[in-house]
Amino acid sequence: MPKNKPDDLALHTRVRETIKSMNIDQITLAQKLEVTQTMISMALRGANHKTFLRLLAILQNEYNLDFNDDSIFTQTDEVIIEHLVAIRGDLDKILERMGKLEARMDQLGH
């Protein structure tokens, strides 16, 4: 069996990490491709090139993921940033409430 080139391995790693970060289930992908979960796992490790190519097509068509450039990192970054912004908003509300509680406690003499 031919060895994968470093670029190929990097692509397989990017796809695996993206699937994991987006909580995309390998079983679901297997059902969409009408293969076993084991075949998906093998494809993601570089052991089944044909299934890997089909997997890339599914990810592009159904999940709008494009691994031909670095856009996947941008998409993932955007999701992370959205979550961080929401967390920051929640923290700001908590800090505001804590400030009000401290002010109220000061008024009560505690």
PDB file of N, CA and C in Angstrom:
ATOM      1  N   MET A   1       0.848  -1.170   0.000  1.00  0.00           N
ATOM      2  CA  MET A   1       0.000   0.000   0.000  1.00  0.00           C
ATOM      3  C   MET A   1       0.899   1.240   0.000  1.00  0.00           C
ATOM      4  N   PRO A   2       0.618   2.246  -0.869  1.00  0.00           N
ATOM      5  CA  PRO A   2       1.466   3.429  -0.902  1.00  0.00           C
ATOM      6  C   PRO A   2       1.310   4.247   0.377  1.00  0.00           C
ATOM      7  N   LYS A   3       2.410   4.871   0.757  1.00  0.00           N
ATOM      8  CA  LYS A   3       2.390   5.723   1.945  1.00  0.00           C
ATOM      9  C   LYS A   3       1.715   7.048   1.609  1.00  0.00           C
ATOM     10  N   ASN A   4       0.998   7.592   2.580  1.00  0.00           N
ATOM     11  CA  ASN A   4       0.402   8.909   2.397  1.00  0.00           C
ATOM     12  C   ASN A   4       1.485   9.974   2.467  1.00  0.00           C
ATOM     13  N   LYS A   5       1.340  11.003   1.641  1.00  0.00           N
ATOM     14  CA  LYS A   5       2.253  12.134   1.685  1.00  0.00           C
ATOM     15  C   LYS A   5       1.907  12.989   2.903  1.00  0.00           C
ATOM     16  N   PRO A   6       2.866  13.782   3.405  1.00  0.00           N
ATOM     17  CA  PRO A   6       2.572  14.649   4.553  1.00  0.00           C
ATOM     18  C   PRO A   6       1.365  15.554   4.326  1.00  0.00           C
ATOM     19  N   ASP A   7       1.208  16.088   3.102  1.00  0.00           N
ATOM     20  CA  ASP A   7       0.056  16.942   2.808  1.00  0.00           C
ATOM     21  C   ASP A   7      -1.245  16.163   2.947  1.00  0.00           C
ATOM     22  N   ASP A   8      -1.240  14.904   2.486  1.00  0.00           N
ATOM     23  CA  ASP A   8      -2.433  14.063   2.608  1.00  0.00           C
ATOM     24  C   ASP A   8      -2.773  13.829   4.079  1.00  0.00           C
ATOM     25  N   LEU A   9      -1.748  13.547   4.873  1.00  0.00           N
ATOM     26  CA  LEU A   9      -1.973  13.308   6.294  1.00  0.00           C
ATOM     27  C   LEU A   9      -2.495  14.563   6.977  1.00  0.00           C
ATOM     28  N   ALA A  10      -1.989  15.720   6.567  1.00  0.00           N
ATOM     29  CA  ALA A  10      -2.470  16.982   7.137  1.00  0.00           C
ATOM     30  C   ALA A  10      -3.944  17.187   6.808  1.00  0.00           C
ATOM     31  N   LEU A  11      -4.332  16.850   5.588  1.00  0.00           N
ATOM     32  CA  LEU A  11      -5.735  16.989   5.194  1.00  0.00           C
ATOM     33  C   LEU A  11      -6.614  16.037   6.003  1.00  0.00           C
ATOM     34  N   HIS A  12      -6.182  14.799   6.157  1.00  0.00           N
ATOM     35  CA  HIS A  12      -6.948  13.833   6.944  1.00  0.00           C
ATOM     36  C   HIS A  12      -7.101  14.328   8.388  1.00  0.00           C
ATOM     37  N   THR A  13      -6.039  14.885   8.926  1.00  0.00           N
ATOM     38  CA  THR A  13      -6.085  15.422  10.285  1.00  0.00           C
ATOM     39  C   THR A  13      -7.061  16.585  10.377  1.00  0.00           C
ATOM     40  N   ARG A  14      -7.011  17.496   9.405  1.00  0.00           N
ATOM     41  CA  ARG A  14      -7.941  18.638   9.392  1.00  0.00           C
ATOM     42  C   ARG A  14      -9.384  18.158   9.351  1.00  0.00           C
ATOM     43  N   VAL A  15      -9.658  17.176   8.513  1.00  0.00           N
ATOM     44  CA  VAL A  15     -11.029  16.674   8.380  1.00  0.00           C
ATOM     45  C   VAL A  15     -11.471  16.012   9.685  1.00  0.00           C
ATOM     46  N   ARG A  16     -10.615  15.170  10.261  1.00  0.00           N
ATOM     47  CA  ARG A  16     -10.948  14.506  11.533  1.00  0.00           C
ATOM     48  C   ARG A  16     -11.232  15.530  12.628  1.00  0.00           C
ATOM     49  N   GLU A  17     -10.359  16.523  12.755  1.00  0.00           N
ATOM     50  CA  GLU A  17     -10.519  17.533  13.799  1.00  0.00           C
ATOM     51  C   GLU A  17     -11.772  18.364  13.579  1.00  0.00           C
ATOM     52  N   THR A  18     -12.074  18.662  12.327  1.00  0.00           N
ATOM     53  CA  THR A  18     -13.267  19.447  12.022  1.00  0.00           C
ATOM     54  C   THR A  18     -14.531  18.666  12.355  1.00  0.00           C
ATOM     55  N   ILE A  19     -14.560  17.406  11.961  1.00  0.00           N
ATOM     56  CA  ILE A  19     -15.720  16.560  12.268  1.00  0.00           C
ATOM     57  C   ILE A  19     -15.928  16.502  13.780  1.00  0.00           C
ATOM     58  N   LYS A  20     -14.844  16.325  14.500  1.00  0.00           N
ATOM     59  CA  LYS A  20     -14.936  16.248  15.959  1.00  0.00           C
ATOM     60  C   LYS A  20     -15.403  17.574  16.552  1.00  0.00           C
ATOM     61  N   SER A  21     -14.823  18.686  16.107  1.00  0.00           N
ATOM     62  CA  SER A  21     -15.171  19.989  16.681  1.00  0.00           C
ATOM     63  C   SER A  21     -16.607  20.395  16.381  1.00  0.00           C
ATOM     64  N   MET A  22     -17.155  19.887  15.285  1.00  0.00           N
ATOM     65  CA  MET A  22     -18.527  20.232  14.910  1.00  0.00           C
ATOM     66  C   MET A  22     -19.532  19.182  15.392  1.00  0.00           C
ATOM     67  N   ASN A  23     -19.032  18.213  16.157  1.00  0.00           N
ATOM     68  CA  ASN A  23     -19.890  17.138  16.685  1.00  0.00           C
ATOM     69  C   ASN A  23     -20.648  16.405  15.587  1.00  0.00           C
ATOM     70  N   ILE A  24     -19.975  16.168  14.481  1.00  0.00           N
ATOM     71  CA  ILE A  24     -20.569  15.387  13.398  1.00  0.00           C
ATOM     72  C   ILE A  24     -20.243  13.922  13.681  1.00  0.00           C
ATOM     73  N   ASP A  25     -21.261  13.106  13.777  1.00  0.00           N
ATOM     74  CA  ASP A  25     -21.135  11.705  14.156  1.00  0.00           C
ATOM     75  C   ASP A  25     -20.685  10.855  12.966  1.00  0.00           C
ATOM     76  N   GLN A  26     -19.669  10.025  13.188  1.00  0.00           N
ATOM     77  CA  GLN A  26     -19.190   9.135  12.127  1.00  0.00           C
ATOM     78  C   GLN A  26     -20.274   8.164  11.677  1.00  0.00           C
ATOM     79  N   ILE A  27     -21.125   7.753  12.580  1.00  0.00           N
ATOM     80  CA  ILE A  27     -22.210   6.829  12.211  1.00  0.00           C
ATOM     81  C   ILE A  27     -23.165   7.510  11.242  1.00  0.00           C
ATOM     82  N   THR A  28     -23.475   8.773  11.503  1.00  0.00           N
ATOM     83  CA  THR A  28     -24.348   9.534  10.603  1.00  0.00           C
ATOM     84  C   THR A  28     -23.715   9.655   9.225  1.00  0.00           C
ATOM     85  N   LEU A  29     -22.421   9.962   9.202  1.00  0.00           N
ATOM     86  CA  LEU A  29     -21.718  10.059   7.918  1.00  0.00           C
ATOM     87  C   LEU A  29     -21.732   8.713   7.200  1.00  0.00           C
ATOM     88  N   ALA A  30     -21.533   7.645   7.947  1.00  0.00           N
ATOM     89  CA  ALA A  30     -21.547   6.301   7.352  1.00  0.00           C
ATOM     90  C   ALA A  30     -22.905   6.004   6.725  1.00  0.00           C
ATOM     91  N   GLN A  31     -23.968   6.377   7.414  1.00  0.00           N
ATOM     92  CA  GLN A  31     -25.313   6.145   6.877  1.00  0.00           C
ATOM     93  C   GLN A  31     -25.530   6.945   5.595  1.00  0.00           C
ATOM     94  N   LYS A  32     -25.054   8.179   5.577  1.00  0.00           N
ATOM     95  CA  LYS A  32     -25.215   9.014   4.384  1.00  0.00           C
ATOM     96  C   LYS A  32     -24.474   8.414   3.185  1.00  0.00           C
ATOM     97  N   LEU A  33     -23.317   7.801   3.455  1.00  0.00           N
ATOM     98  CA  LEU A  33     -22.518   7.204   2.379  1.00  0.00           C
ATOM     99  C   LEU A  33     -22.860   5.737   2.145  1.00  0.00           C
ATOM    100  N   GLU A  34     -23.739   5.198   2.974  1.00  0.00           N
ATOM    101  CA  GLU A  34     -24.125   3.788   2.898  1.00  0.00           C
ATOM    102  C   GLU A  34     -22.913   2.863   3.030  1.00  0.00           C
ATOM    103  N   VAL A  35     -22.088   3.186   4.047  1.00  0.00           N
ATOM    104  CA  VAL A  35     -20.933   2.357   4.393  1.00  0.00           C
ATOM    105  C   VAL A  35     -20.970   2.156   5.907  1.00  0.00           C
ATOM    106  N   THR A  36     -20.008   1.412   6.419  1.00  0.00           N
ATOM    107  CA  THR A  36     -19.942   1.202   7.865  1.00  0.00           C
ATOM    108  C   THR A  36     -19.168   2.338   8.529  1.00  0.00           C
ATOM    109  N   GLN A  37     -19.356   2.456   9.832  1.00  0.00           N
ATOM    110  CA  GLN A  37     -18.599   3.446  10.599  1.00  0.00           C
ATOM    111  C   GLN A  37     -17.113   3.123  10.539  1.00  0.00           C
ATOM    112  N   THR A  38     -16.781   1.846  10.483  1.00  0.00           N
ATOM    113  CA  THR A  38     -15.383   1.426  10.372  1.00  0.00           C
ATOM    114  C   THR A  38     -14.754   1.966   9.092  1.00  0.00           C
ATOM    115  N   MET A  39     -15.513   1.949   8.001  1.00  0.00           N
ATOM    116  CA  MET A  39     -14.983   2.476   6.735  1.00  0.00           C
ATOM    117  C   MET A  39     -14.745   3.984   6.833  1.00  0.00           C
ATOM    118  N   ILE A  40     -15.613   4.692   7.546  1.00  0.00           N
ATOM    119  CA  ILE A  40     -15.412   6.131   7.750  1.00  0.00           C
ATOM    120  C   ILE A  40     -14.140   6.354   8.555  1.00  0.00           C
ATOM    121  N   SER A  41     -13.984   5.579   9.619  1.00  0.00           N
ATOM    122  CA  SER A  41     -12.793   5.683  10.451  1.00  0.00           C
ATOM    123  C   SER A  41     -11.526   5.413   9.641  1.00  0.00           C
ATOM    124  N   MET A  42     -11.565   4.383   8.814  1.00  0.00           N
ATOM    125  CA  MET A  42     -10.415   4.058   7.961  1.00  0.00           C
ATOM    126  C   MET A  42     -10.132   5.196   6.985  1.00  0.00           C
ATOM    127  N   ALA A  43     -11.184   5.761   6.418  1.00  0.00           N
ATOM    128  CA  ALA A  43     -11.014   6.863   5.472  1.00  0.00           C
ATOM    129  C   ALA A  43     -10.370   8.065   6.159  1.00  0.00           C
ATOM    130  N   LEU A  44     -10.779   8.345   7.370  1.00  0.00           N
ATOM    131  CA  LEU A  44     -10.234   9.487   8.107  1.00  0.00           C
ATOM    132  C   LEU A  44      -8.785   9.277   8.525  1.00  0.00           C
ATOM    133  N   ARG A  45      -8.365   8.026   8.592  1.00  0.00           N
ATOM    134  CA  ARG A  45      -6.964   7.712   8.906  1.00  0.00           C
ATOM    135  C   ARG A  45      -6.109   7.591   7.654  1.00  0.00           C
ATOM    136  N   GLY A  46      -6.735   7.671   6.480  1.00  0.00           N
ATOM    137  CA  GLY A  46      -5.984   7.584   5.237  1.00  0.00           C
ATOM    138  C   GLY A  46      -5.910   6.195   4.649  1.00  0.00           C
ATOM    139  N   ALA A  47      -6.683   5.256   5.172  1.00  0.00           N
ATOM    140  CA  ALA A  47      -6.615   3.874   4.717  1.00  0.00           C
ATOM    141  C   ALA A  47      -7.626   3.545   3.625  1.00  0.00           C
ATOM    142  N   ASN A  48      -8.515   4.478   3.295  1.00  0.00           N
ATOM    143  CA  ASN A  48      -9.524   4.222   2.269  1.00  0.00           C
ATOM    144  C   ASN A  48      -9.760   5.513   1.487  1.00  0.00           C
ATOM    145  N   HIS A  49      -8.979   5.691   0.436  1.00  0.00           N
ATOM    146  CA  HIS A  49      -8.991   6.948  -0.317  1.00  0.00           C
ATOM    147  C   HIS A  49     -10.330   7.204  -1.005  1.00  0.00           C
ATOM    148  N   LYS A  50     -10.920   6.179  -1.583  1.00  0.00           N
ATOM    149  CA  LYS A  50     -12.189   6.344  -2.302  1.00  0.00           C
ATOM    150  C   LYS A  50     -13.291   6.840  -1.356  1.00  0.00           C
ATOM    151  N   THR A  51     -13.395   6.220  -0.191  1.00  0.00           N
ATOM    152  CA  THR A  51     -14.396   6.644   0.789  1.00  0.00           C
ATOM    153  C   THR A  51     -14.075   8.040   1.308  1.00  0.00           C
ATOM    154  N   PHE A  52     -12.788   8.349   1.456  1.00  0.00           N
ATOM    155  CA  PHE A  52     -12.393   9.679   1.917  1.00  0.00           C
ATOM    156  C   PHE A  52     -12.856  10.752   0.932  1.00  0.00           C
ATOM    157  N   LEU A  53     -12.703  10.496  -0.355  1.00  0.00           N
ATOM    158  CA  LEU A  53     -13.157  11.459  -1.365  1.00  0.00           C
ATOM    159  C   LEU A  53     -14.670  11.630  -1.312  1.00  0.00           C
ATOM    160  N   ARG A  54     -15.384  10.540  -1.130  1.00  0.00           N
ATOM    161  CA  ARG A  54     -16.849  10.623  -0.999  1.00  0.00           C
ATOM    162  C   ARG A  54     -17.232  11.385   0.269  1.00  0.00           C
ATOM    163  N   LEU A  55     -16.478  11.157   1.327  1.00  0.00           N
ATOM    164  CA  LEU A  55     -16.712  11.854   2.587  1.00  0.00           C
ATOM    165  C   LEU A  55     -16.509  13.361   2.420  1.00  0.00           C
ATOM    166  N   LEU A  56     -15.448  13.750   1.725  1.00  0.00           N
ATOM    167  CA  LEU A  56     -15.207  15.174   1.459  1.00  0.00           C
ATOM    168  C   LEU A  56     -16.382  15.794   0.711  1.00  0.00           C
ATOM    169  N   ALA A  57     -16.927  15.055  -0.248  1.00  0.00           N
ATOM    170  CA  ALA A  57     -18.067  15.561  -1.021  1.00  0.00           C
ATOM    171  C   ALA A  57     -19.284  15.766  -0.123  1.00  0.00           C
ATOM    172  N   ILE A  58     -19.556  14.816   0.765  1.00  0.00           N
ATOM    173  CA  ILE A  58     -20.686  14.947   1.700  1.00  0.00           C
ATOM    174  C   ILE A  58     -20.477  16.155   2.612  1.00  0.00           C
ATOM    175  N   LEU A  59     -19.270  16.294   3.140  1.00  0.00           N
ATOM    176  CA  LEU A  59     -18.991  17.409   4.046  1.00  0.00           C
ATOM    177  C   LEU A  59     -19.140  18.751   3.334  1.00  0.00           C
ATOM    178  N   GLN A  60     -18.753  18.786   2.074  1.00  0.00           N
ATOM    179  CA  GLN A  60     -18.891  20.027   1.316  1.00  0.00           C
ATOM    180  C   GLN A  60     -20.356  20.301   0.972  1.00  0.00           C
ATOM    181  N   ASN A  61     -21.062  19.303   0.490  1.00  0.00           N
ATOM    182  CA  ASN A  61     -22.434  19.503   0.023  1.00  0.00           C
ATOM    183  C   ASN A  61     -23.447  19.669   1.149  1.00  0.00           C
ATOM    184  N   GLU A  62     -23.295  18.912   2.222  1.00  0.00           N
ATOM    185  CA  GLU A  62     -24.305  18.925   3.279  1.00  0.00           C
ATOM    186  C   GLU A  62     -23.933  19.779   4.487  1.00  0.00           C
ATOM    187  N   TYR A  63     -22.638  20.040   4.668  1.00  0.00           N
ATOM    188  CA  TYR A  63     -22.206  20.811   5.830  1.00  0.00           C
ATOM    189  C   TYR A  63     -21.490  22.107   5.427  1.00  0.00           C
ATOM    190  N   ASN A  64     -21.423  22.376   4.125  1.00  0.00           N
ATOM    191  CA  ASN A  64     -20.775  23.586   3.600  1.00  0.00           C
ATOM    192  C   ASN A  64     -19.331  23.732   4.064  1.00  0.00           C
ATOM    193  N   LEU A  65     -18.620  22.630   4.143  1.00  0.00           N
ATOM    194  CA  LEU A  65     -17.214  22.644   4.529  1.00  0.00           C
ATOM    195  C   LEU A  65     -16.362  22.447   3.288  1.00  0.00           C
ATOM    196  N   ASP A  66     -15.385  23.313   3.106  1.00  0.00           N
ATOM    197  CA  ASP A  66     -14.512  23.234   1.940  1.00  0.00           C
ATOM    198  C   ASP A  66     -13.086  23.053   2.424  1.00  0.00           C
ATOM    199  N   PHE A  67     -12.511  21.923   2.124  1.00  0.00           N
ATOM    200  CA  PHE A  67     -11.160  21.621   2.571  1.00  0.00           C
ATOM    201  C   PHE A  67     -10.109  21.917   1.502  1.00  0.00           C
ATOM    202  N   ASN A  68     -10.510  22.581   0.414  1.00  0.00           N
ATOM    203  CA  ASN A  68      -9.557  22.921  -0.636  1.00  0.00           C
ATOM    204  C   ASN A  68      -8.739  24.149  -0.294  1.00  0.00           C
ATOM    205  N   ASP A  69      -9.178  24.893   0.712  1.00  0.00           N
ATOM    206  CA  ASP A  69      -8.427  26.057   1.169  1.00  0.00           C
ATOM    207  C   ASP A  69      -8.533  26.122   2.683  1.00  0.00           C
ATOM    208  N   ASP A  70      -8.140  27.236   3.256  1.00  0.00           N
ATOM    209  CA  ASP A  70      -8.155  27.359   4.709  1.00  0.00           C
ATOM    210  C   ASP A  70      -9.478  27.881   5.250  1.00  0.00           C
ATOM    211  N   SER A  71     -10.531  27.882   4.426  1.00  0.00           N
ATOM    212  CA  SER A  71     -11.809  28.436   4.879  1.00  0.00           C
ATOM    213  C   SER A  71     -12.388  27.663   6.053  1.00  0.00           C
ATOM    214  N   ILE A  72     -12.056  26.399   6.190  1.00  0.00           N
ATOM    215  CA  ILE A  72     -12.593  25.621   7.292  1.00  0.00           C
ATOM    216  C   ILE A  72     -12.159  26.198   8.626  1.00  0.00           C
ATOM    217  N   PHE A  73     -10.939  26.698   8.679  1.00  0.00           N
ATOM    218  CA  PHE A  73     -10.482  27.293   9.922  1.00  0.00           C
ATOM    219  C   PHE A  73     -11.272  28.560  10.223  1.00  0.00           C
ATOM    220  N   THR A  74     -11.593  29.326   9.190  1.00  0.00           N
ATOM    221  CA  THR A  74     -12.395  30.527   9.367  1.00  0.00           C
ATOM    222  C   THR A  74     -13.776  30.162   9.883  1.00  0.00           C
ATOM    223  N   GLN A  75     -14.393  29.139   9.299  1.00  0.00           N
ATOM    224  CA  GLN A  75     -15.725  28.731   9.745  1.00  0.00           C
ATOM    225  C   GLN A  75     -15.684  28.267  11.193  1.00  0.00           C
ATOM    226  N   THR A  76     -14.697  27.482  11.543  1.00  0.00           N
ATOM    227  CA  THR A  76     -14.576  26.997  12.908  1.00  0.00           C
ATOM    228  C   THR A  76     -14.303  28.158  13.850  1.00  0.00           C
ATOM    229  N   ASP A  77     -13.423  29.071  13.440  1.00  0.00           N
ATOM    230  CA  ASP A  77     -13.128  30.242  14.258  1.00  0.00           C
ATOM    231  C   ASP A  77     -14.377  31.069  14.496  1.00  0.00           C
ATOM    232  N   GLU A  78     -15.202  31.223  13.473  1.00  0.00           N
ATOM    233  CA  GLU A  78     -16.425  32.010  13.628  1.00  0.00           C
ATOM    234  C   GLU A  78     -17.347  31.394  14.667  1.00  0.00           C
ATOM    235  N   VAL A  79     -17.474  30.082  14.667  1.00  0.00           N
ATOM    236  CA  VAL A  79     -18.310  29.401  15.661  1.00  0.00           C
ATOM    237  C   VAL A  79     -17.749  29.631  17.059  1.00  0.00           C
ATOM    238  N   ILE A  80     -16.446  29.498  17.199  1.00  0.00           N
ATOM    239  CA  ILE A  80     -15.807  29.707  18.500  1.00  0.00           C
ATOM    240  C   ILE A  80     -16.003  31.144  18.960  1.00  0.00           C
ATOM    241  N   ILE A  81     -15.816  32.094  18.063  1.00  0.00           N
ATOM    242  CA  ILE A  81     -15.981  33.505  18.412  1.00  0.00           C
ATOM    243  C   ILE A  81     -17.411  33.790  18.845  1.00  0.00           C
ATOM    244  N   GLU A  82     -18.390  33.229  18.145  1.00  0.00           N
ATOM    245  CA  GLU A  82     -19.790  33.418  18.540  1.00  0.00           C
ATOM    246  C   GLU A  82     -20.029  32.912  19.959  1.00  0.00           C
ATOM    247  N   HIS A  83     -19.471  31.755  20.280  1.00  0.00           N
ATOM    248  CA  HIS A  83     -19.629  31.205  21.628  1.00  0.00           C
ATOM    249  C   HIS A  83     -18.932  32.092  22.661  1.00  0.00           C
ATOM    250  N   LEU A  84     -17.741  32.574  22.329  1.00  0.00           N
ATOM    251  CA  LEU A  84     -17.013  33.435  23.259  1.00  0.00           C
ATOM    252  C   LEU A  84     -17.748  34.751  23.501  1.00  0.00           C
ATOM    253  N   VAL A  85     -18.331  35.315  22.458  1.00  0.00           N
ATOM    254  CA  VAL A  85     -19.098  36.553  22.606  1.00  0.00           C
ATOM    255  C   VAL A  85     -20.294  36.321  23.528  1.00  0.00           C
ATOM    256  N   ALA A  86     -20.984  35.194  23.342  1.00  0.00           N
ATOM    257  CA  ALA A  86     -22.124  34.871  24.204  1.00  0.00           C
ATOM    258  C   ALA A  86     -21.671  34.684  25.651  1.00  0.00           C
ATOM    259  N   ILE A  87     -20.553  34.009  25.842  1.00  0.00           N
ATOM    260  CA  ILE A  87     -20.020  33.799  27.189  1.00  0.00           C
ATOM    261  C   ILE A  87     -19.648  35.135  27.819  1.00  0.00           C
ATOM    262  N   ARG A  88     -19.008  35.995  27.032  1.00  0.00           N
ATOM    263  CA  ARG A  88     -18.622  37.317  27.545  1.00  0.00           C
ATOM    264  C   ARG A  88     -19.860  38.107  27.968  1.00  0.00           C
ATOM    265  N   GLY A  89     -20.917  38.043  27.184  1.00  0.00           N
ATOM    266  CA  GLY A  89     -22.164  38.719  27.537  1.00  0.00           C
ATOM    267  C   GLY A  89     -22.727  38.198  28.847  1.00  0.00           C
ATOM    268  N   ASP A  90     -22.710  36.889  29.013  1.00  0.00           N
ATOM    269  CA  ASP A  90     -23.190  36.288  30.262  1.00  0.00           C
ATOM    270  C   ASP A  90     -22.322  36.711  31.445  1.00  0.00           C
ATOM    271  N   LEU A  91     -21.004  36.745  31.244  1.00  0.00           N
ATOM    272  CA  LEU A  91     -20.103  37.174  32.316  1.00  0.00           C
ATOM    273  C   LEU A  91     -20.346  38.626  32.695  1.00  0.00           C
ATOM    274  N   ASP A  92     -20.563  39.476  31.704  1.00  0.00           N
ATOM    275  CA  ASP A  92     -20.848  40.886  31.983  1.00  0.00           C
ATOM    276  C   ASP A  92     -22.110  41.028  32.826  1.00  0.00           C
ATOM    277  N   LYS A  93     -23.135  40.248  32.513  1.00  0.00           N
ATOM    278  CA  LYS A  93     -24.380  40.282  33.295  1.00  0.00           C
ATOM    279  C   LYS A  93     -24.129  39.825  34.731  1.00  0.00           C
ATOM    280  N   ILE A  94     -23.348  38.770  34.884  1.00  0.00           N
ATOM    281  CA  ILE A  94     -23.035  38.254  36.220  1.00  0.00           C
ATOM    282  C   ILE A  94     -22.262  39.295  37.020  1.00  0.00           C
ATOM    283  N   LEU A  95     -21.271  39.918  36.387  1.00  0.00           N
ATOM    284  CA  LEU A  95     -20.487  40.943  37.080  1.00  0.00           C
ATOM    285  C   LEU A  95     -21.356  42.130  37.474  1.00  0.00           C
ATOM    286  N   GLU A  96     -22.270  42.507  36.602  1.00  0.00           N
ATOM    287  CA  GLU A  96     -23.184  43.608  36.911  1.00  0.00           C
ATOM    288  C   GLU A  96     -24.056  43.250  38.116  1.00  0.00           C
ATOM    289  N   ARG A  97     -24.570  42.036  38.134  1.00  0.00           N
ATOM    290  CA  ARG A  97     -25.400  41.596  39.265  1.00  0.00           C
ATOM    291  C   ARG A  97     -24.596  41.530  40.558  1.00  0.00           C
ATOM    292  N   MET A  98     -23.352  41.077  40.450  1.00  0.00           N
ATOM    293  CA  MET A  98     -22.496  41.023  41.636  1.00  0.00           C
ATOM    294  C   MET A  98     -22.252  42.424  42.179  1.00  0.00           C
ATOM    295  N   GLY A  99     -22.031  43.366  41.266  1.00  0.00           N
ATOM    296  CA  GLY A  99     -21.839  44.753  41.689  1.00  0.00           C
ATOM    297  C   GLY A  99     -23.057  45.290  42.410  1.00  0.00           C
ATOM    298  N   LYS A 100     -24.232  44.986  41.890  1.00  0.00           N
ATOM    299  CA  LYS A 100     -25.474  45.425  42.537  1.00  0.00           C
ATOM    300  C   LYS A 100     -25.633  44.766  43.906  1.00  0.00           C
ATOM    301  N   LEU A 101     -25.290  43.486  44.001  1.00  0.00           N
ATOM    302  CA  LEU A 101     -25.370  42.792  45.289  1.00  0.00           C
ATOM    303  C   LEU A 101     -24.399  43.390  46.302  1.00  0.00           C
ATOM    304  N   GLU A 102     -23.191  43.701  45.862  1.00  0.00           N
ATOM    305  CA  GLU A 102     -22.206  44.306  46.760  1.00  0.00           C
ATOM    306  C   GLU A 102     -22.690  45.667  47.237  1.00  0.00           C
ATOM    307  N   ALA A 103     -23.255  46.446  46.310  1.00  0.00           N
ATOM    308  CA  ALA A 103     -23.780  47.762  46.682  1.00  0.00           C
ATOM    309  C   ALA A 103     -24.919  47.612  47.684  1.00  0.00           C
ATOM    310  N   ARG A 104     -25.772  46.661  47.467  1.00  0.00           N
ATOM    311  CA  ARG A 104     -26.906  46.427  48.372  1.00  0.00           C
ATOM    312  C   ARG A 104     -26.412  45.974  49.740  1.00  0.00           C
ATOM    313  N   MET A 105     -25.408  45.106  49.756  1.00  0.00           N
ATOM    314  CA  MET A 105     -24.841  44.644  51.025  1.00  0.00           C
ATOM    315  C   MET A 105     -24.204  45.806  51.782  1.00  0.00           C
ATOM    316  N   ASP A 106     -23.531  46.708  51.056  1.00  0.00           N
ATOM    317  CA  ASP A 106     -22.948  47.890  51.689  1.00  0.00           C
ATOM    318  C   ASP A 106     -24.034  48.750  52.311  1.00  0.00           C
ATOM    319  N   GLN A 107     -25.164  48.885  51.608  1.00  0.00           N
ATOM    320  CA  GLN A 107     -26.285  49.670  52.134  1.00  0.00           C
ATOM    321  C   GLN A 107     -26.829  49.048  53.416  1.00  0.00           C
ATOM    322  N   LEU A 108     -26.821  47.735  53.466  1.00  0.00           N
ATOM    323  CA  LEU A 108     -27.345  47.033  54.634  1.00  0.00           C
ATOM    324  C   LEU A 108     -26.323  46.942  55.765  1.00  0.00           C
ATOM    325  N   GLY A 109     -25.089  47.381  55.487  1.00  0.00           N
ATOM    326  CA  GLY A 109     -24.061  47.395  56.518  1.00  0.00           C
ATOM    327  C   GLY A 109     -23.303  46.098  56.682  1.00  0.00           C
ATOM    328  N   HIS A 110     -23.253  45.292  55.682  1.00  0.00           N
ATOM    329  CA  HIS A 110     -22.528  44.016  55.789  1.00  0.00           C
ATOM    330  C   HIS A 110     -21.163  44.149  55.220  1.00  0.00           C
TER     331      HIS A 110
END
